[in-house]
Amino acid sequence: MIEKAFSSLSVPTRRKILEHLRDRELTSSEIAGNFELSAPAISQHLKVLEQSGLVVVRKAGTKRYYRIRREGFSELKTYIDQFWDNSLLSLKEAAEEEERRKHDN
């Protein structure tokens, strides 16, 4: 799922869609109203975001409501954090080594 999420985030339009969904649930037509793309094109982007686990859809009558799937972003964050945590650990170790050298001289 991580690969699908990264792939879907590589498209600027999809990132913009996610920004619109950041704080609230929107219908597909409300989302499409923010773009110069056709409604079917936006629907295709929403489908990719749903398949990648970053958004969920709720059907109510003939409308489809989209919102962020927080768990999808948690999975991405966990994946990215493993690299960040290693970098922070390396930085900490380098700083400690520098301090030891200062005290030894």
Protein backbone atom coordinates (compact mmCIF):
# COMPACT_ATOMS: atom_id res chain seq x y z
CA MET A 1 0.00 0.00 0.00
CA ILE A 2 2.93 2.35 0.68
CA GLU A 3 4.01 2.16 -2.97
CA LYS A 4 0.51 3.07 -4.15
CA ALA A 5 0.37 5.98 -1.70
CA PHE A 6 3.71 7.38 -2.86
CA SER A 7 2.71 6.95 -6.49
CA SER A 8 -0.58 8.74 -5.97
CA LEU A 9 1.19 11.60 -4.17
CA SER A 10 3.52 12.11 -7.12
CA VAL A 11 0.73 13.84 -9.06
CA PRO A 12 0.25 17.53 -8.15
CA THR A 13 -3.52 17.47 -8.75
CA ARG A 14 -3.92 14.67 -6.23
CA ARG A 15 -1.89 16.55 -3.64
CA LYS A 16 -4.15 19.58 -4.19
CA ILE A 17 -7.23 17.38 -3.75
CA LEU A 18 -5.82 16.16 -0.44
CA GLU A 19 -5.24 19.75 0.65
CA HIS A 20 -8.93 20.50 0.02
CA LEU A 21 -9.90 17.44 2.05
CA ARG A 22 -7.49 18.19 4.90
CA ASP A 23 -10.08 19.62 7.28
CA ARG A 24 -13.42 18.43 5.96
CA GLU A 25 -15.43 15.98 3.96
CA LEU A 26 -16.43 17.12 0.45
CA THR A 27 -18.52 15.76 -2.38
CA SER A 28 -16.81 14.94 -5.64
CA SER A 29 -18.57 17.90 -7.29
CA GLU A 30 -17.36 20.26 -4.55
CA ILE A 31 -13.83 19.01 -5.11
CA ALA A 32 -14.14 19.32 -8.89
CA GLY A 33 -15.31 22.93 -8.46
CA ASN A 34 -11.81 23.82 -7.30
CA PHE A 35 -10.16 22.67 -10.52
CA GLU A 36 -10.24 23.44 -14.21
CA LEU A 37 -10.34 19.71 -14.94
CA SER A 38 -13.53 17.88 -15.85
CA ALA A 39 -15.56 16.12 -13.16
CA PRO A 40 -14.71 12.69 -14.67
CA ALA A 41 -10.98 13.53 -14.52
CA ILE A 42 -11.28 14.51 -10.85
CA SER A 43 -13.23 11.31 -10.22
CA GLN A 44 -10.33 9.31 -11.66
CA HIS A 45 -7.90 11.08 -9.32
CA LEU A 46 -10.22 10.40 -6.38
CA LYS A 47 -10.39 6.74 -7.34
CA VAL A 48 -6.58 6.50 -7.31
CA LEU A 49 -6.43 8.22 -3.91
CA GLU A 50 -9.05 5.82 -2.57
CA GLN A 51 -7.21 2.77 -3.94
CA SER A 52 -3.99 3.99 -2.37
CA GLY A 53 -5.65 4.20 1.05
CA LEU A 54 -5.35 7.97 1.44
CA VAL A 55 -9.07 8.83 1.14
CA VAL A 56 -12.31 7.07 1.92
CA VAL A 57 -15.65 7.54 0.22
CA ARG A 58 -19.10 7.57 1.78
CA LYS A 59 -22.16 7.22 -0.43
CA ALA A 60 -25.34 9.04 0.49
CA GLY A 61 -28.02 8.74 -2.15
CA THR A 62 -26.50 9.84 -5.43
CA LYS A 63 -23.66 11.78 -3.79
CA ARG A 64 -20.22 10.57 -2.88
CA TYR A 65 -18.45 12.22 0.03
CA TYR A 66 -14.68 12.02 0.31
CA ARG A 67 -12.48 12.53 3.34
CA ILE A 68 -8.88 11.90 4.34
CA ARG A 69 -8.10 8.42 5.66
CA ARG A 70 -5.84 9.30 8.57
CA GLU A 71 -4.58 5.73 8.89
CA GLY A 72 -3.16 5.92 5.37
CA PHE A 73 -1.09 8.93 6.35
CA SER A 74 -0.04 7.26 9.59
CA GLU A 75 1.38 4.37 7.57
CA LEU A 76 3.31 6.83 5.39
CA LYS A 77 4.57 8.72 8.43
CA THR A 78 5.75 5.50 10.08
CA TYR A 79 7.60 4.56 6.91
CA ILE A 80 9.28 7.99 6.59
CA ASP A 81 10.06 8.21 10.31
CA GLN A 82 12.32 5.18 10.13
CA PHE A 83 14.67 7.19 7.91
CA TRP A 84 14.31 10.39 9.91
CA ASP A 85 14.90 8.60 13.23
CA ASN A 86 18.12 7.08 11.85
CA SER A 87 19.27 10.50 10.70
CA LEU A 88 18.55 12.02 14.10
CA LEU A 89 20.42 9.21 15.84
CA SER A 90 23.43 9.73 13.56
CA LEU A 91 23.34 13.47 14.22
CA LYS A 92 23.16 12.86 17.98
CA GLU A 93 26.10 10.45 17.84
CA ALA A 94 28.15 12.92 15.78
CA ALA A 95 27.41 15.72 18.25
CA GLU A 96 28.39 13.52 21.19
CA GLU A 97 31.63 12.52 19.45
CA GLU A 98 32.42 16.19 18.80
CA GLU A 99 31.84 16.97 22.50
CA ARG A 100 34.18 14.11 23.52
CA ARG A 101 36.89 15.46 21.21
CA LYS A 102 36.57 18.93 22.69
CA HIS A 103 36.96 17.59 26.21
CA ASP A 104 39.89 15.33 25.25
CA ASN A 105 41.90 18.22 23.81
